[in-house]
Amino acid sequence: MPRTLLMSPARVHRTLTRVAYEVVERNRGSDTLMLFGIRTRGVGLAEMLADTLGEVEGRAFRVEALDVTAFRDDRPDAEPSPLNAAAPSVDDRDVLLVDDVLFTGRTARAAIDAVLRYGRPRSIQLAVLIDRGHREFPIRPDYVGRVIPTKHEERITVELNGEARVYLEE
């Protein structure tokens, strides 16, 4: 399967820096901001974005890993795991969901349902590194690193081994 490099580590870093500034500007700071990375690659990307937000805002940001498996409409037998006492409250917070690639919108829709288990947030926003189109749900990201129109059979791969890279696989 041929692979084409779409974004180098330097370009991913510049993109996350731009997104971090957009997040801070839109939220008038970051006091109420809470980050959730959608498993699996969304978590690593959220941690990278949290580091960049930390540089911009001068404080640390915690990233919560969000497992959306039980909330997907294509997994009807999956049961959500019970919330434990250490589960974060999202009440009156601005929640930022982070994922690597937005395709059909099904994962993002499931993530919204998963977040609502943690309380009633002030807002839920979505940040994605790549938006490749082909939506099946009316989901639109608030922050987009790059829009890459693809054919339905093509695949975008985000590698997060130390440095992030984005590839197109045909």
Protein backbone atom coordinates (compact mmCIF):
# COMPACT_ATOMS: atom_id res chain seq x y z
CA MET A 1 0.00 0.00 0.00
CA PRO A 2 1.71 3.26 -1.11
CA ARG A 3 2.09 5.93 1.58
CA THR A 4 2.49 9.65 1.01
CA LEU A 5 3.72 11.95 3.77
CA LEU A 6 1.17 14.76 4.17
CA MET A 7 2.44 16.44 7.34
CA SER A 8 5.94 16.35 8.79
CA PRO A 9 6.56 16.63 12.55
CA ALA A 10 7.40 20.33 12.12
CA ARG A 11 4.16 20.96 10.26
CA VAL A 12 2.11 19.07 12.86
CA HIS A 13 3.76 21.17 15.60
CA ARG A 14 2.99 24.44 13.76
CA THR A 15 -0.59 23.29 13.22
CA LEU A 16 -1.09 22.40 16.90
CA THR A 17 0.35 25.78 17.89
CA ARG A 18 -2.18 27.56 15.66
CA VAL A 19 -5.02 25.43 17.05
CA ALA A 20 -3.90 26.15 20.64
CA TYR A 21 -4.07 29.91 20.02
CA GLU A 22 -7.50 29.52 18.39
CA VAL A 23 -8.76 27.56 21.42
CA VAL A 24 -7.51 30.18 23.88
CA GLU A 25 -8.93 33.04 21.82
CA ARG A 26 -12.34 31.45 21.35
CA ASN A 27 -12.67 30.55 25.04
CA ARG A 28 -11.34 33.93 26.25
CA GLY A 29 -8.59 32.14 28.09
CA SER A 30 -8.40 28.64 29.41
CA ASP A 31 -9.68 28.79 32.99
CA THR A 32 -12.68 26.55 32.34
CA LEU A 33 -11.09 24.38 29.63
CA MET A 34 -10.97 20.61 30.03
CA LEU A 35 -9.37 18.27 27.44
CA PHE A 36 -10.58 14.80 26.50
CA GLY A 37 -8.59 12.73 24.02
CA ILE A 38 -10.68 10.19 22.10
CA ARG A 39 -9.00 6.79 22.32
CA THR A 40 -6.63 5.86 20.87
CA ARG A 41 -4.66 8.37 18.80
CA GLY A 42 -6.80 11.25 20.02
CA VAL A 43 -5.26 10.83 23.48
CA GLY A 44 -1.69 11.29 22.23
CA LEU A 45 -2.74 14.23 20.11
CA ALA A 46 -4.60 15.78 23.06
CA GLU A 47 -1.44 15.45 25.17
CA MET A 48 0.56 17.23 22.46
CA LEU A 49 -2.10 19.96 22.29
CA ALA A 50 -2.13 20.21 26.10
CA ASP A 51 1.65 20.77 26.08
CA THR A 52 1.25 23.51 23.47
CA LEU A 53 -1.64 25.09 25.40
CA GLY A 54 0.60 24.97 28.48
CA GLU A 55 3.28 26.94 26.64
CA VAL A 56 0.71 29.51 25.51
CA GLU A 57 -1.09 29.85 28.84
CA GLY A 58 1.75 29.16 31.29
CA ARG A 59 -0.01 26.36 33.15
CA ALA A 60 -0.42 22.60 32.90
CA PHE A 61 -3.45 20.95 31.31
CA ARG A 62 -4.62 17.49 32.23
CA VAL A 63 -5.89 15.16 29.51
CA GLU A 64 -8.62 12.65 30.18
CA ALA A 65 -8.74 9.56 27.94
CA LEU A 66 -12.23 9.01 26.58
CA ASP A 67 -13.31 5.51 25.54
CA VAL A 68 -16.31 5.84 23.22
CA THR A 69 -16.67 2.14 22.33
CA ALA A 70 -19.87 1.62 24.32
CA PHE A 71 -21.48 4.71 22.80
CA ARG A 72 -20.98 3.82 19.14
CA ASP A 73 -24.09 2.93 17.16
CA ASP A 74 -22.25 0.06 15.48
CA ARG A 75 -21.52 -1.67 18.81
CA PRO A 76 -24.97 -2.27 20.34
CA ASP A 77 -23.82 -4.93 22.85
CA ALA A 78 -21.03 -2.84 24.41
CA GLU A 79 -21.79 -1.60 27.92
CA PRO A 80 -20.22 1.57 29.33
CA SER A 81 -17.94 0.94 32.26
CA PRO A 82 -19.19 2.41 35.54
CA LEU A 83 -17.80 5.80 36.53
CA ASN A 84 -15.41 5.66 39.45
CA ALA A 85 -14.96 8.21 42.22
CA ALA A 86 -12.00 9.76 40.40
CA ALA A 87 -14.09 10.53 37.30
CA PRO A 88 -13.79 14.21 36.40
CA SER A 89 -16.82 16.49 36.57
CA VAL A 90 -17.50 18.54 33.44
CA ASP A 91 -20.20 20.66 35.08
CA ASP A 92 -19.96 24.26 33.81
CA ARG A 93 -16.68 23.50 31.99
CA ASP A 94 -15.71 24.02 28.37
CA VAL A 95 -14.88 20.53 27.13
CA LEU A 96 -12.49 20.14 24.22
CA LEU A 97 -12.71 16.76 22.49
CA VAL A 98 -9.55 15.95 20.55
CA ASP A 99 -9.21 13.34 17.81
CA ASP A 100 -6.75 12.67 15.02
CA VAL A 101 -9.04 12.28 12.00
CA LEU A 102 -12.67 13.26 11.44
CA PHE A 103 -14.31 11.09 8.80
CA THR A 104 -17.98 10.06 9.12
CA GLY A 105 -18.66 11.83 12.44
CA ARG A 106 -19.73 8.63 14.19
CA THR A 107 -16.87 8.66 16.70
CA ALA A 108 -17.42 12.35 17.50
CA ARG A 109 -21.13 11.72 18.08
CA ALA A 110 -20.29 8.84 20.42
CA ALA A 111 -17.77 11.05 22.24
CA ILE A 112 -20.45 13.65 22.96
CA ASP A 113 -22.63 10.95 24.55
CA ALA A 114 -19.65 9.68 26.56
CA VAL A 115 -18.79 13.15 27.89
CA LEU A 116 -22.35 13.78 29.03
CA ARG A 117 -21.95 10.93 31.54
CA TYR A 118 -19.53 13.20 33.43
CA GLY A 119 -22.03 16.02 33.93
CA ARG A 120 -23.40 19.04 32.09
CA PRO A 121 -20.65 21.04 30.38
CA ARG A 122 -20.97 24.70 29.42
CA SER A 123 -19.86 23.76 25.90
CA ILE A 124 -18.44 20.82 23.98
CA GLN A 125 -15.96 21.67 21.25
CA LEU A 126 -14.20 19.40 18.78
CA ALA A 127 -10.60 19.71 17.59
CA VAL A 128 -9.23 17.42 14.89
CA LEU A 129 -5.87 17.33 13.20
CA ILE A 130 -7.34 16.15 9.87
CA ASP A 131 -10.85 16.61 8.47
CA ARG A 132 -11.26 14.34 5.46
CA GLY A 133 -14.96 14.83 4.77
CA HIS A 134 -17.51 12.07 4.01
CA ARG A 135 -19.76 12.96 6.96
CA GLU A 136 -22.68 10.68 7.84
CA PHE A 137 -23.74 12.80 10.84
CA PRO A 138 -24.15 16.57 11.05
CA ILE A 139 -20.88 17.02 12.95
CA ARG A 140 -18.62 19.99 12.27
CA PRO A 141 -15.31 20.47 14.09
CA ASP A 142 -14.62 23.77 15.86
CA TYR A 143 -10.86 23.55 15.24
CA VAL A 144 -9.29 21.88 12.22
CA GLY A 145 -5.59 21.39 11.64
CA ARG A 146 -5.96 20.65 7.96
CA VAL A 147 -8.76 19.71 5.57
CA ILE A 148 -7.71 16.88 3.25
CA PRO A 149 -10.43 15.73 0.86
CA THR A 150 -10.00 12.01 0.24
CA LYS A 151 -11.58 9.23 -1.69
CA HIS A 152 -13.73 6.97 0.43
CA GLU A 153 -11.31 4.03 0.09
CA GLU A 154 -8.20 6.07 0.96
CA ARG A 155 -6.96 6.16 4.53
CA ILE A 156 -5.30 8.86 6.61
CA THR A 157 -2.86 7.56 9.22
CA VAL A 158 -1.52 9.67 12.07
CA GLU A 159 1.63 8.24 13.66
CA LEU A 160 2.51 9.51 17.12
CA ASN A 161 5.79 7.66 17.80
CA GLY A 162 7.72 10.43 19.52
CA GLU A 163 7.03 12.86 16.70
CA ALA A 164 3.70 13.11 14.91
CA ARG A 165 3.45 12.47 11.18
CA VAL A 166 0.44 12.22 8.88
CA TYR A 167 0.31 9.86 5.90
CA LEU A 168 -2.15 9.17 3.11
CA GLU A 169 -2.47 5.49 2.29
CA GLU A 170 -4.03 4.55 -1.03
